[in-house]
Amino acid sequence: MADLYGKFSTWGRDAIDGKEAVAVARKIWSIGEEEGYWSERGRLAADVAWVAAAHSDADAVQEWAALGLEWYAYELGADSEQVREMKDVMVSPKTHPVWGTKHELSVGGPGSLSKKV
């Protein structure tokens, strides 16, 4: 999984595009599910919402932020700063700080990735 996180991080340097970054994140999520690793799912979903925002994919931002919100609430509590941030992004994806900073691209949402345990 560490190698996949490393690959995911290369999106920031444009070594992979947004679609590939989302595919890598989905794989990380699936492996975590298989191995019973449930930590930091809120952070992973929030990171993918960041990718989606940079590529101006509002639907994907909202879907990943919703997943991030759910996991952050579980991991950190419903009153956490991270939950508030995910709520804000869900309501208005275009207010995300990196909105539109990369070429427009439909990166895709989480699909059938699991919610809470």
PDB file of N, CA and C in Angstrom:
ATOM      1  N   MET A   1       0.825  -1.187   0.000  1.00  0.00           N
ATOM      2  CA  MET A   1       0.000   0.000   0.000  1.00  0.00           C
ATOM      3  C   MET A   1       0.872   1.255   0.000  1.00  0.00           C
ATOM      4  N   ALA A   2       2.033   1.184   0.612  1.00  0.00           N
ATOM      5  CA  ALA A   2       2.925   2.348   0.653  1.00  0.00           C
ATOM      6  C   ALA A   2       3.337   2.772  -0.753  1.00  0.00           C
ATOM      7  N   ASP A   3       3.585   1.794  -1.616  1.00  0.00           N
ATOM      8  CA  ASP A   3       3.947   2.117  -3.000  1.00  0.00           C
ATOM      9  C   ASP A   3       2.806   2.841  -3.708  1.00  0.00           C
ATOM     10  N   LEU A   4       1.581   2.407  -3.429  1.00  0.00           N
ATOM     11  CA  LEU A   4       0.424   3.058  -4.049  1.00  0.00           C
ATOM     12  C   LEU A   4       0.261   4.487  -3.543  1.00  0.00           C
ATOM     13  N   TYR A   5       0.464   4.699  -2.251  1.00  0.00           N
ATOM     14  CA  TYR A   5       0.414   6.067  -1.727  1.00  0.00           C
ATOM     15  C   TYR A   5       1.489   6.925  -2.388  1.00  0.00           C
ATOM     16  N   GLY A   6       2.652   6.333  -2.602  1.00  0.00           N
ATOM     17  CA  GLY A   6       3.719   7.052  -3.292  1.00  0.00           C
ATOM     18  C   GLY A   6       3.322   7.427  -4.705  1.00  0.00           C
ATOM     19  N   LYS A   7       2.694   6.490  -5.396  1.00  0.00           N
ATOM     20  CA  LYS A   7       2.239   6.767  -6.765  1.00  0.00           C
ATOM     21  C   LYS A   7       1.160   7.845  -6.757  1.00  0.00           C
ATOM     22  N   PHE A   8       0.228   7.738  -5.810  1.00  0.00           N
ATOM     23  CA  PHE A   8      -0.840   8.735  -5.707  1.00  0.00           C
ATOM     24  C   PHE A   8      -0.248  10.133  -5.546  1.00  0.00           C
ATOM     25  N   SER A   9       0.792  10.236  -4.744  1.00  0.00           N
ATOM     26  CA  SER A   9       1.397  11.544  -4.482  1.00  0.00           C
ATOM     27  C   SER A   9       2.061  12.152  -5.713  1.00  0.00           C
ATOM     28  N   THR A  10       2.350  11.340  -6.719  1.00  0.00           N
ATOM     29  CA  THR A  10       3.001  11.876  -7.921  1.00  0.00           C
ATOM     30  C   THR A  10       2.050  12.714  -8.769  1.00  0.00           C
ATOM     31  N   TRP A  11       0.762  12.652  -8.463  1.00  0.00           N
ATOM     32  CA  TRP A  11      -0.200  13.499  -9.171  1.00  0.00           C
ATOM     33  C   TRP A  11       0.164  14.973  -9.005  1.00  0.00           C
ATOM     34  N   GLY A  12       0.624  15.335  -7.841  1.00  0.00           N
ATOM     35  CA  GLY A  12       0.990  16.725  -7.566  1.00  0.00           C
ATOM     36  C   GLY A  12       2.102  17.241  -8.460  1.00  0.00           C
ATOM     37  N   ARG A  13       2.921  16.331  -8.963  1.00  0.00           N
ATOM     38  CA  ARG A  13       4.014  16.701  -9.870  1.00  0.00           C
ATOM     39  C   ARG A  13       3.653  16.429 -11.328  1.00  0.00           C
ATOM     40  N   ASP A  14       2.384  16.101 -11.568  1.00  0.00           N
ATOM     41  CA  ASP A  14       1.881  15.795 -12.913  1.00  0.00           C
ATOM     42  C   ASP A  14       2.499  14.545 -13.524  1.00  0.00           C
ATOM     43  N   ALA A  15       3.001  13.636 -12.697  1.00  0.00           N
ATOM     44  CA  ALA A  15       3.526  12.372 -13.207  1.00  0.00           C
ATOM     45  C   ALA A  15       2.387  11.439 -13.608  1.00  0.00           C
ATOM     46  N   ILE A  16       1.235  11.595 -12.957  1.00  0.00           N
ATOM     47  CA  ILE A  16       0.018  10.875 -13.345  1.00  0.00           C
ATOM     48  C   ILE A  16      -1.103  11.901 -13.432  1.00  0.00           C
ATOM     49  N   ASP A  17      -2.133  11.579 -14.226  1.00  0.00           N
ATOM     50  CA  ASP A  17      -3.248  12.522 -14.337  1.00  0.00           C
ATOM     51  C   ASP A  17      -4.294  12.229 -13.260  1.00  0.00           C
ATOM     52  N   GLY A  18      -5.327  13.055 -13.234  1.00  0.00           N
ATOM     53  CA  GLY A  18      -6.351  12.933 -12.208  1.00  0.00           C
ATOM     54  C   GLY A  18      -7.097  11.615 -12.236  1.00  0.00           C
ATOM     55  N   LYS A  19      -7.390  11.104 -13.438  1.00  0.00           N
ATOM     56  CA  LYS A  19      -8.093   9.819 -13.531  1.00  0.00           C
ATOM     57  C   LYS A  19      -7.243   8.697 -12.942  1.00  0.00           C
ATOM     58  N   GLU A  20      -5.964   8.715 -13.257  1.00  0.00           N
ATOM     59  CA  GLU A  20      -5.083   7.681 -12.717  1.00  0.00           C
ATOM     60  C   GLU A  20      -4.940   7.830 -11.205  1.00  0.00           C
ATOM     61  N   ALA A  21      -4.874   9.053 -10.718  1.00  0.00           N
ATOM     62  CA  ALA A  21      -4.788   9.282  -9.274  1.00  0.00           C
ATOM     63  C   ALA A  21      -6.013   8.706  -8.569  1.00  0.00           C
ATOM     64  N   VAL A  22      -7.188   8.907  -9.153  1.00  0.00           N
ATOM     65  CA  VAL A  22      -8.415   8.372  -8.565  1.00  0.00           C
ATOM     66  C   VAL A  22      -8.400   6.845  -8.615  1.00  0.00           C
ATOM     67  N   ALA A  23      -7.931   6.279  -9.715  1.00  0.00           N
ATOM     68  CA  ALA A  23      -7.838   4.818  -9.818  1.00  0.00           C
ATOM     69  C   ALA A  23      -6.899   4.259  -8.749  1.00  0.00           C
ATOM     70  N   VAL A  24      -5.793   4.928  -8.516  1.00  0.00           N
ATOM     71  CA  VAL A  24      -4.847   4.501  -7.479  1.00  0.00           C
ATOM     72  C   VAL A  24      -5.507   4.604  -6.102  1.00  0.00           C
ATOM     73  N   ALA A  25      -6.228   5.685  -5.853  1.00  0.00           N
ATOM     74  CA  ALA A  25      -6.910   5.853  -4.564  1.00  0.00           C
ATOM     75  C   ALA A  25      -7.946   4.751  -4.348  1.00  0.00           C
ATOM     76  N   ARG A  26      -8.676   4.406  -5.400  1.00  0.00           N
ATOM     77  CA  ARG A  26      -9.656   3.312  -5.276  1.00  0.00           C
ATOM     78  C   ARG A  26      -8.949   1.999  -4.929  1.00  0.00           C
ATOM     79  N   LYS A  27      -7.796   1.775  -5.532  1.00  0.00           N
ATOM     80  CA  LYS A  27      -7.030   0.551  -5.245  1.00  0.00           C
ATOM     81  C   LYS A  27      -6.544   0.558  -3.790  1.00  0.00           C
ATOM     82  N   ILE A  28      -6.045   1.697  -3.328  1.00  0.00           N
ATOM     83  CA  ILE A  28      -5.627   1.822  -1.923  1.00  0.00           C
ATOM     84  C   ILE A  28      -6.800   1.482  -1.010  1.00  0.00           C
ATOM     85  N   TRP A  29      -7.958   2.037  -1.334  1.00  0.00           N
ATOM     86  CA  TRP A  29      -9.162   1.816  -0.528  1.00  0.00           C
ATOM     87  C   TRP A  29      -9.512   0.327  -0.495  1.00  0.00           C
ATOM     88  N   SER A  30      -9.487  -0.312  -1.662  1.00  0.00           N
ATOM     89  CA  SER A  30      -9.838  -1.732  -1.758  1.00  0.00           C
ATOM     90  C   SER A  30      -8.860  -2.617  -0.995  1.00  0.00           C
ATOM     91  N   ILE A  31      -7.577  -2.333  -1.125  1.00  0.00           N
ATOM     92  CA  ILE A  31      -6.574  -3.111  -0.390  1.00  0.00           C
ATOM     93  C   ILE A  31      -6.768  -2.917   1.113  1.00  0.00           C
ATOM     94  N   GLY A  32      -7.029  -1.693   1.524  1.00  0.00           N
ATOM     95  CA  GLY A  32      -7.296  -1.435   2.935  1.00  0.00           C
ATOM     96  C   GLY A  32      -8.476  -2.242   3.436  1.00  0.00           C
ATOM     97  N   GLU A  33      -9.494  -2.350   2.609  1.00  0.00           N
ATOM     98  CA  GLU A  33     -10.667  -3.129   2.973  1.00  0.00           C
ATOM     99  C   GLU A  33     -10.311  -4.608   3.115  1.00  0.00           C
ATOM    100  N   GLU A  34      -9.562  -5.127   2.146  1.00  0.00           N
ATOM    101  CA  GLU A  34      -9.155  -6.534   2.173  1.00  0.00           C
ATOM    102  C   GLU A  34      -8.299  -6.844   3.397  1.00  0.00           C
ATOM    103  N   GLU A  35      -7.425  -5.916   3.760  1.00  0.00           N
ATOM    104  CA  GLU A  35      -6.489  -6.139   4.859  1.00  0.00           C
ATOM    105  C   GLU A  35      -7.027  -5.676   6.213  1.00  0.00           C
ATOM    106  N   GLY A  36      -8.238  -5.138   6.220  1.00  0.00           N
ATOM    107  CA  GLY A  36      -8.818  -4.663   7.470  1.00  0.00           C
ATOM    108  C   GLY A  36      -8.165  -3.402   7.997  1.00  0.00           C
ATOM    109  N   TYR A  37      -7.607  -2.608   7.101  1.00  0.00           N
ATOM    110  CA  TYR A  37      -6.957  -1.351   7.485  1.00  0.00           C
ATOM    111  C   TYR A  37      -7.949  -0.218   7.261  1.00  0.00           C
ATOM    112  N   TRP A  38      -8.476   0.316   8.347  1.00  0.00           N
ATOM    113  CA  TRP A  38      -9.540   1.311   8.246  1.00  0.00           C
ATOM    114  C   TRP A  38      -9.072   2.716   8.601  1.00  0.00           C
ATOM    115  N   SER A  39      -7.833   2.882   8.954  1.00  0.00           N
ATOM    116  CA  SER A  39      -7.334   4.194   9.368  1.00  0.00           C
ATOM    117  C   SER A  39      -7.153   5.133   8.184  1.00  0.00           C
ATOM    118  N   GLU A  40      -7.316   6.391   8.454  1.00  0.00           N
ATOM    119  CA  GLU A  40      -7.017   7.472   7.516  1.00  0.00           C
ATOM    120  C   GLU A  40      -7.858   7.467   6.239  1.00  0.00           C
ATOM    121  N   ARG A  41      -9.013   6.859   6.295  1.00  0.00           N
ATOM    122  CA  ARG A  41      -9.882   6.877   5.123  1.00  0.00           C
ATOM    123  C   ARG A  41     -10.458   8.267   4.872  1.00  0.00           C
ATOM    124  N   GLY A  42     -10.733   8.990   5.932  1.00  0.00           N
ATOM    125  CA  GLY A  42     -11.207  10.359   5.759  1.00  0.00           C
ATOM    126  C   GLY A  42     -10.187  11.193   5.007  1.00  0.00           C
ATOM    127  N   ARG A  43      -8.922  11.052   5.386  1.00  0.00           N
ATOM    128  CA  ARG A  43      -7.842  11.802   4.728  1.00  0.00           C
ATOM    129  C   ARG A  43      -7.704  11.398   3.261  1.00  0.00           C
ATOM    130  N   LEU A  44      -7.797  10.099   2.967  1.00  0.00           N
ATOM    131  CA  LEU A  44      -7.685   9.646   1.583  1.00  0.00           C
ATOM    132  C   LEU A  44      -8.824  10.221   0.744  1.00  0.00           C
ATOM    133  N   ALA A  45     -10.049  10.149   1.245  1.00  0.00           N
ATOM    134  CA  ALA A  45     -11.186  10.696   0.498  1.00  0.00           C
ATOM    135  C   ALA A  45     -11.036  12.202   0.306  1.00  0.00           C
ATOM    136  N   ALA A  46     -10.573  12.903   1.327  1.00  0.00           N
ATOM    137  CA  ALA A  46     -10.357  14.351   1.211  1.00  0.00           C
ATOM    138  C   ALA A  46      -9.267  14.660   0.186  1.00  0.00           C
ATOM    139  N   ASP A  47      -8.226  13.840   0.150  1.00  0.00           N
ATOM    140  CA  ASP A  47      -7.164  14.037  -0.841  1.00  0.00           C
ATOM    141  C   ASP A  47      -7.689  13.848  -2.261  1.00  0.00           C
ATOM    142  N   VAL A  48      -8.572  12.875  -2.438  1.00  0.00           N
ATOM    143  CA  VAL A  48      -9.133  12.650  -3.775  1.00  0.00           C
ATOM    144  C   VAL A  48     -10.102  13.778  -4.130  1.00  0.00           C
ATOM    145  N   ALA A  49     -10.826  14.310  -3.151  1.00  0.00           N
ATOM    146  CA  ALA A  49     -11.666  15.485  -3.410  1.00  0.00           C
ATOM    147  C   ALA A  49     -10.796  16.645  -3.887  1.00  0.00           C
ATOM    148  N   TRP A  50      -9.598  16.764  -3.342  1.00  0.00           N
ATOM    149  CA  TRP A  50      -8.627  17.790  -3.753  1.00  0.00           C
ATOM    150  C   TRP A  50      -8.273  17.601  -5.228  1.00  0.00           C
ATOM    151  N   VAL A  51      -7.978  16.363  -5.617  1.00  0.00           N
ATOM    152  CA  VAL A  51      -7.658  16.056  -7.021  1.00  0.00           C
ATOM    153  C   VAL A  51      -8.831  16.456  -7.907  1.00  0.00           C
ATOM    154  N   ALA A  52     -10.034  16.060  -7.518  1.00  0.00           N
ATOM    155  CA  ALA A  52     -11.227  16.370  -8.302  1.00  0.00           C
ATOM    156  C   ALA A  52     -11.436  17.877  -8.419  1.00  0.00           C
ATOM    157  N   ALA A  53     -11.210  18.602  -7.333  1.00  0.00           N
ATOM    158  CA  ALA A  53     -11.370  20.062  -7.358  1.00  0.00           C
ATOM    159  C   ALA A  53     -10.355  20.701  -8.295  1.00  0.00           C
ATOM    160  N   ALA A  54      -9.134  20.254  -8.238  1.00  0.00           N
ATOM    161  CA  ALA A  54      -8.104  20.819  -9.119  1.00  0.00           C
ATOM    162  C   ALA A  54      -8.484  20.651 -10.585  1.00  0.00           C
ATOM    163  N   HIS A  55      -9.188  19.548 -10.888  1.00  0.00           N
ATOM    164  CA  HIS A  55      -9.605  19.269 -12.264  1.00  0.00           C
ATOM    165  C   HIS A  55     -11.032  19.750 -12.559  1.00  0.00           C
ATOM    166  N   SER A  56     -11.604  20.546 -11.675  1.00  0.00           N
ATOM    167  CA  SER A  56     -12.934  21.152 -11.868  1.00  0.00           C
ATOM    168  C   SER A  56     -14.049  20.128 -12.061  1.00  0.00           C
ATOM    169  N   ASP A  57     -13.973  19.006 -11.368  1.00  0.00           N
ATOM    170  CA  ASP A  57     -15.006  17.971 -11.446  1.00  0.00           C
ATOM    171  C   ASP A  57     -15.892  18.084 -10.200  1.00  0.00           C
ATOM    172  N   ALA A  58     -16.915  18.937 -10.294  1.00  0.00           N
ATOM    173  CA  ALA A  58     -17.763  19.245  -9.138  1.00  0.00           C
ATOM    174  C   ALA A  58     -18.465  18.014  -8.576  1.00  0.00           C
ATOM    175  N   ASP A  59     -18.990  17.159  -9.453  1.00  0.00           N
ATOM    176  CA  ASP A  59     -19.686  15.969  -8.963  1.00  0.00           C
ATOM    177  C   ASP A  59     -18.749  15.077  -8.154  1.00  0.00           C
ATOM    178  N   ALA A  60     -17.548  14.868  -8.681  1.00  0.00           N
ATOM    179  CA  ALA A  60     -16.578  14.029  -7.970  1.00  0.00           C
ATOM    180  C   ALA A  60     -16.155  14.676  -6.654  1.00  0.00           C
ATOM    181  N   VAL A  61     -15.990  15.992  -6.652  1.00  0.00           N
ATOM    182  CA  VAL A  61     -15.644  16.688  -5.404  1.00  0.00           C
ATOM    183  C   VAL A  61     -16.704  16.388  -4.352  1.00  0.00           C
ATOM    184  N   GLN A  62     -17.964  16.535  -4.722  1.00  0.00           N
ATOM    185  CA  GLN A  62     -19.050  16.325  -3.768  1.00  0.00           C
ATOM    186  C   GLN A  62     -19.105  14.882  -3.278  1.00  0.00           C
ATOM    187  N   GLU A  63     -18.914  13.933  -4.188  1.00  0.00           N
ATOM    188  CA  GLU A  63     -18.979  12.524  -3.798  1.00  0.00           C
ATOM    189  C   GLU A  63     -17.822  12.134  -2.881  1.00  0.00           C
ATOM    190  N   TRP A  64     -16.614  12.548  -3.236  1.00  0.00           N
ATOM    191  CA  TRP A  64     -15.457  12.224  -2.394  1.00  0.00           C
ATOM    192  C   TRP A  64     -15.529  12.973  -1.065  1.00  0.00           C
ATOM    193  N   ALA A  65     -16.003  14.208  -1.087  1.00  0.00           N
ATOM    194  CA  ALA A  65     -16.143  14.968   0.160  1.00  0.00           C
ATOM    195  C   ALA A  65     -17.180  14.315   1.073  1.00  0.00           C
ATOM    196  N   ALA A  66     -18.259  13.790   0.500  1.00  0.00           N
ATOM    197  CA  ALA A  66     -19.270  13.100   1.306  1.00  0.00           C
ATOM    198  C   ALA A  66     -18.669  11.867   1.975  1.00  0.00           C
ATOM    199  N   LEU A  67     -17.856  11.143   1.224  1.00  0.00           N
ATOM    200  CA  LEU A  67     -17.196   9.971   1.792  1.00  0.00           C
ATOM    201  C   LEU A  67     -16.185  10.400   2.862  1.00  0.00           C
ATOM    202  N   GLY A  68     -15.449  11.455   2.582  1.00  0.00           N
ATOM    203  CA  GLY A  68     -14.503  11.980   3.561  1.00  0.00           C
ATOM    204  C   GLY A  68     -15.201  12.432   4.827  1.00  0.00           C
ATOM    205  N   LEU A  69     -16.324  13.115   4.667  1.00  0.00           N
ATOM    206  CA  LEU A  69     -17.098  13.575   5.819  1.00  0.00           C
ATOM    207  C   LEU A  69     -17.516  12.395   6.686  1.00  0.00           C
ATOM    208  N   GLU A  70     -18.032  11.362   6.051  1.00  0.00           N
ATOM    209  CA  GLU A  70     -18.496  10.201   6.802  1.00  0.00           C
ATOM    210  C   GLU A  70     -17.355   9.556   7.593  1.00  0.00           C
ATOM    211  N   TRP A  71     -16.212   9.388   6.944  1.00  0.00           N
ATOM    212  CA  TRP A  71     -15.087   8.751   7.622  1.00  0.00           C
ATOM    213  C   TRP A  71     -14.441   9.670   8.651  1.00  0.00           C
ATOM    214  N   TYR A  72     -14.331  10.954   8.360  1.00  0.00           N
ATOM    215  CA  TYR A  72     -13.794  11.887   9.357  1.00  0.00           C
ATOM    216  C   TYR A  72     -14.680  11.907  10.597  1.00  0.00           C
ATOM    217  N   ALA A  73     -15.989  11.883  10.404  1.00  0.00           N
ATOM    218  CA  ALA A  73     -16.899  11.881  11.551  1.00  0.00           C
ATOM    219  C   ALA A  73     -16.668  10.633  12.401  1.00  0.00           C
ATOM    220  N   TYR A  74     -16.446   9.530  11.736  1.00  0.00           N
ATOM    221  CA  TYR A  74     -16.184   8.267  12.432  1.00  0.00           C
ATOM    222  C   TYR A  74     -14.827   8.300  13.131  1.00  0.00           C
ATOM    223  N   GLU A  75     -13.805   8.804  12.422  1.00  0.00           N
ATOM    224  CA  GLU A  75     -12.433   8.780  12.931  1.00  0.00           C
ATOM    225  C   GLU A  75     -12.139   9.891  13.945  1.00  0.00           C
ATOM    226  N   LEU A  76     -12.658  11.085  13.681  1.00  0.00           N
ATOM    227  CA  LEU A  76     -12.274  12.264  14.469  1.00  0.00           C
ATOM    228  C   LEU A  76     -13.417  12.910  15.243  1.00  0.00           C
ATOM    229  N   GLY A  77     -14.640  12.550  14.897  1.00  0.00           N
ATOM    230  CA  GLY A  77     -15.803  13.139  15.548  1.00  0.00           C
ATOM    231  C   GLY A  77     -16.538  14.098  14.635  1.00  0.00           C
ATOM    232  N   ALA A  78     -17.850  14.131  14.785  1.00  0.00           N
ATOM    233  CA  ALA A  78     -18.704  14.943  13.918  1.00  0.00           C
ATOM    234  C   ALA A  78     -18.447  16.436  14.051  1.00  0.00           C
ATOM    235  N   ASP A  79     -17.818  16.849  15.135  1.00  0.00           N
ATOM    236  CA  ASP A  79     -17.559  18.273  15.343  1.00  0.00           C
ATOM    237  C   ASP A  79     -16.136  18.676  14.948  1.00  0.00           C
ATOM    238  N   SER A  80     -15.436  17.802  14.243  1.00  0.00           N
ATOM    239  CA  SER A  80     -14.046  18.100  13.875  1.00  0.00           C
ATOM    240  C   SER A  80     -13.965  19.131  12.747  1.00  0.00           C
ATOM    241  N   GLU A  81     -12.847  19.799  12.691  1.00  0.00           N
ATOM    242  CA  GLU A  81     -12.580  20.780  11.632  1.00  0.00           C
ATOM    243  C   GLU A  81     -12.639  20.125  10.252  1.00  0.00           C
ATOM    244  N   GLN A  82     -12.165  18.900  10.153  1.00  0.00           N
ATOM    245  CA  GLN A  82     -12.164  18.197   8.875  1.00  0.00           C
ATOM    246  C   GLN A  82     -13.586  17.931   8.381  1.00  0.00           C
ATOM    247  N   VAL A  83     -14.485  17.587   9.291  1.00  0.00           N
ATOM    248  CA  VAL A  83     -15.889  17.384   8.911  1.00  0.00           C
ATOM    249  C   VAL A  83     -16.471  18.696   8.394  1.00  0.00           C
ATOM    250  N   ARG A  84     -16.184  19.788   9.072  1.00  0.00           N
ATOM    251  CA  ARG A  84     -16.684  21.093   8.626  1.00  0.00           C
ATOM    252  C   ARG A  84     -16.162  21.418   7.229  1.00  0.00           C
ATOM    253  N   GLU A  85     -14.886  21.164   6.993  1.00  0.00           N
ATOM    254  CA  GLU A  85     -14.309  21.434   5.675  1.00  0.00           C
ATOM    255  C   GLU A  85     -14.992  20.605   4.590  1.00  0.00           C
ATOM    256  N   MET A  86     -15.250  19.336   4.871  1.00  0.00           N
ATOM    257  CA  MET A  86     -15.916  18.480   3.884  1.00  0.00           C
ATOM    258  C   MET A  86     -17.342  18.973   3.615  1.00  0.00           C
ATOM    259  N   LYS A  87     -18.040  19.404   4.655  1.00  0.00           N
ATOM    260  CA  LYS A  87     -19.392  19.945   4.464  1.00  0.00           C
ATOM    261  C   LYS A  87     -19.356  21.173   3.563  1.00  0.00           C
ATOM    262  N   ASP A  88     -18.409  22.066   3.817  1.00  0.00           N
ATOM    263  CA  ASP A  88     -18.291  23.284   3.008  1.00  0.00           C
ATOM    264  C   ASP A  88     -18.037  22.955   1.542  1.00  0.00           C
ATOM    265  N   VAL A  89     -17.150  22.021   1.290  1.00  0.00           N
ATOM    266  CA  VAL A  89     -16.810  21.643  -0.084  1.00  0.00           C
ATOM    267  C   VAL A  89     -17.987  20.949  -0.764  1.00  0.00           C
ATOM    268  N   MET A  90     -18.736  20.159  -0.007  1.00  0.00           N
ATOM    269  CA  MET A  90     -19.906  19.499  -0.587  1.00  0.00           C
ATOM    270  C   MET A  90     -20.940  20.520  -1.051  1.00  0.00           C
ATOM    271  N   VAL A  91     -21.148  21.557  -0.260  1.00  0.00           N
ATOM    272  CA  VAL A  91     -22.133  22.584  -0.589  1.00  0.00           C
ATOM    273  C   VAL A  91     -21.683  23.422  -1.778  1.00  0.00           C
ATOM    274  N   SER A  92     -20.409  23.718  -1.833  1.00  0.00           N
ATOM    275  CA  SER A  92     -19.901  24.607  -2.878  1.00  0.00           C
ATOM    276  C   SER A  92     -18.512  24.155  -3.352  1.00  0.00           C
ATOM    277  N   PRO A  93     -18.475  23.161  -4.249  1.00  0.00           N
ATOM    278  CA  PRO A  93     -17.190  22.622  -4.702  1.00  0.00           C
ATOM    279  C   PRO A  93     -16.247  23.671  -5.288  1.00  0.00           C
ATOM    280  N   LYS A  94     -16.800  24.684  -5.917  1.00  0.00           N
ATOM    281  CA  LYS A  94     -15.959  25.695  -6.568  1.00  0.00           C
ATOM    282  C   LYS A  94     -15.226  26.593  -5.577  1.00  0.00           C
ATOM    283  N   THR A  95     -15.561  26.483  -4.296  1.00  0.00           N
ATOM    284  CA  THR A  95     -14.841  27.268  -3.287  1.00  0.00           C
ATOM    285  C   THR A  95     -13.610  26.531  -2.761  1.00  0.00           C
ATOM    286  N   HIS A  96     -13.413  25.306  -3.227  1.00  0.00           N
ATOM    287  CA  HIS A  96     -12.222  24.556  -2.798  1.00  0.00           C
ATOM    288  C   HIS A  96     -10.986  25.355  -3.200  1.00  0.00           C
ATOM    289  N   PRO A  97      -9.993  25.446  -2.335  1.00  0.00           N
ATOM    290  CA  PRO A  97      -8.829  26.302  -2.618  1.00  0.00           C
ATOM    291  C   PRO A  97      -8.059  25.967  -3.891  1.00  0.00           C
ATOM    292  N   VAL A  98      -8.183  24.745  -4.398  1.00  0.00           N
ATOM    293  CA  VAL A  98      -7.436  24.404  -5.618  1.00  0.00           C
ATOM    294  C   VAL A  98      -8.340  24.282  -6.844  1.00  0.00           C
ATOM    295  N   TRP A  99      -9.583  24.739  -6.716  1.00  0.00           N
ATOM    296  CA  TRP A  99     -10.536  24.600  -7.822  1.00  0.00           C
ATOM    297  C   TRP A  99      -9.937  25.146  -9.122  1.00  0.00           C
ATOM    298  N   GLY A 100      -9.942  24.309 -10.153  1.00  0.00           N
ATOM    299  CA  GLY A 100      -9.546  24.734 -11.485  1.00  0.00           C
ATOM    300  C   GLY A 100      -8.067  25.014 -11.684  1.00  0.00           C
ATOM    301  N   THR A 101      -7.215  24.509 -10.812  1.00  0.00           N
ATOM    302  CA  THR A 101      -5.783  24.786 -10.954  1.00  0.00           C
ATOM    303  C   THR A 101      -5.083  23.845 -11.931  1.00  0.00           C
ATOM    304  N   LYS A 102      -5.787  22.818 -12.370  1.00  0.00           N
ATOM    305  CA  LYS A 102      -5.253  21.906 -13.395  1.00  0.00           C
ATOM    306  C   LYS A 102      -6.277  21.830 -14.519  1.00  0.00           C
ATOM    307  N   HIS A 103      -5.903  21.188 -15.619  1.00  0.00           N
ATOM    308  CA  HIS A 103      -6.818  21.109 -16.761  1.00  0.00           C
ATOM    309  C   HIS A 103      -8.115  20.393 -16.365  1.00  0.00           C
ATOM    310  N   GLU A 104      -9.206  20.823 -16.975  1.00  0.00           N
ATOM    311  CA  GLU A 104     -10.510  20.244 -16.663  1.00  0.00           C
ATOM    312  C   GLU A 104     -10.538  18.775 -17.080  1.00  0.00           C
ATOM    313  N   LEU A 105     -11.036  17.941 -16.171  1.00  0.00           N
ATOM    314  CA  LEU A 105     -11.040  16.502 -16.407  1.00  0.00           C
ATOM    315  C   LEU A 105     -12.071  15.859 -15.498  1.00  0.00           C
ATOM    316  N   SER A 106     -12.861  14.968 -16.062  1.00  0.00           N
ATOM    317  CA  SER A 106     -13.794  14.196 -15.250  1.00  0.00           C
ATOM    318  C   SER A 106     -13.011  13.034 -14.637  1.00  0.00           C
ATOM    319  N   VAL A 107     -12.771  13.108 -13.329  1.00  0.00           N
ATOM    320  CA  VAL A 107     -11.924  12.106 -12.674  1.00  0.00           C
ATOM    321  C   VAL A 107     -12.719  10.958 -12.066  1.00  0.00           C
ATOM    322  N   GLY A 108     -13.987  11.193 -11.761  1.00  0.00           N
ATOM    323  CA  GLY A 108     -14.844  10.144 -11.226  1.00  0.00           C
ATOM    324  C   GLY A 108     -14.913  10.114  -9.710  1.00  0.00           C
ATOM    325  N   GLY A 109     -16.040   9.634  -9.245  1.00  0.00           N
ATOM    326  CA  GLY A 109     -16.283   9.547  -7.809  1.00  0.00           C
ATOM    327  C   GLY A 109     -15.861   8.214  -7.230  1.00  0.00           C
ATOM    328  N   PRO A 110     -16.226   7.979  -5.980  1.00  0.00           N
ATOM    329  CA  PRO A 110     -15.819   6.748  -5.304  1.00  0.00           C
ATOM    330  C   PRO A 110     -16.581   5.506  -5.756  1.00  0.00           C
ATOM    331  N   GLY A 111     -17.697   5.696  -6.453  1.00  0.00           N
ATOM    332  CA  GLY A 111     -18.457   4.532  -6.908  1.00  0.00           C
ATOM    333  C   GLY A 111     -18.957   3.716  -5.737  1.00  0.00           C
ATOM    334  N   SER A 112     -18.656   2.440  -5.775  1.00  0.00           N
ATOM    335  CA  SER A 112     -19.193   1.525  -4.764  1.00  0.00           C
ATOM    336  C   SER A 112     -18.249   1.290  -3.588  1.00  0.00           C
ATOM    337  N   LEU A 113     -17.256   2.152  -3.415  1.00  0.00           N
ATOM    338  CA  LEU A 113     -16.361   1.977  -2.271  1.00  0.00           C
ATOM    339  C   LEU A 113     -17.161   2.030  -0.983  1.00  0.00           C
ATOM    340  N   SER A 114     -16.762   1.214  -0.044  1.00  0.00           N
ATOM    341  CA  SER A 114     -17.532   1.081   1.183  1.00  0.00           C
ATOM    342  C   SER A 114     -17.525   2.344   2.018  1.00  0.00           C
ATOM    343  N   LYS A 115     -18.595   2.485   2.723  1.00  0.00           N
ATOM    344  CA  LYS A 115     -18.714   3.561   3.700  1.00  0.00           C
ATOM    345  C   LYS A 115     -18.150   3.039   5.012  1.00  0.00           C
ATOM    346  N   LYS A 116     -18.750   3.391   6.119  1.00  0.00           N
ATOM    347  CA  LYS A 116     -18.247   2.983   7.435  1.00  0.00           C
ATOM    348  C   LYS A 116     -18.265   1.468   7.608  1.00  0.00           C
ATOM    349  N   VAL A 117     -17.413   1.037   8.518  1.00  0.00           N
ATOM    350  CA  VAL A 117     -17.332  -0.385   8.875  1.00  0.00           C
ATOM    351  C   VAL A 117     -18.607  -0.786   9.563  1.00  0.00           C
TER     352      VAL A 117
END
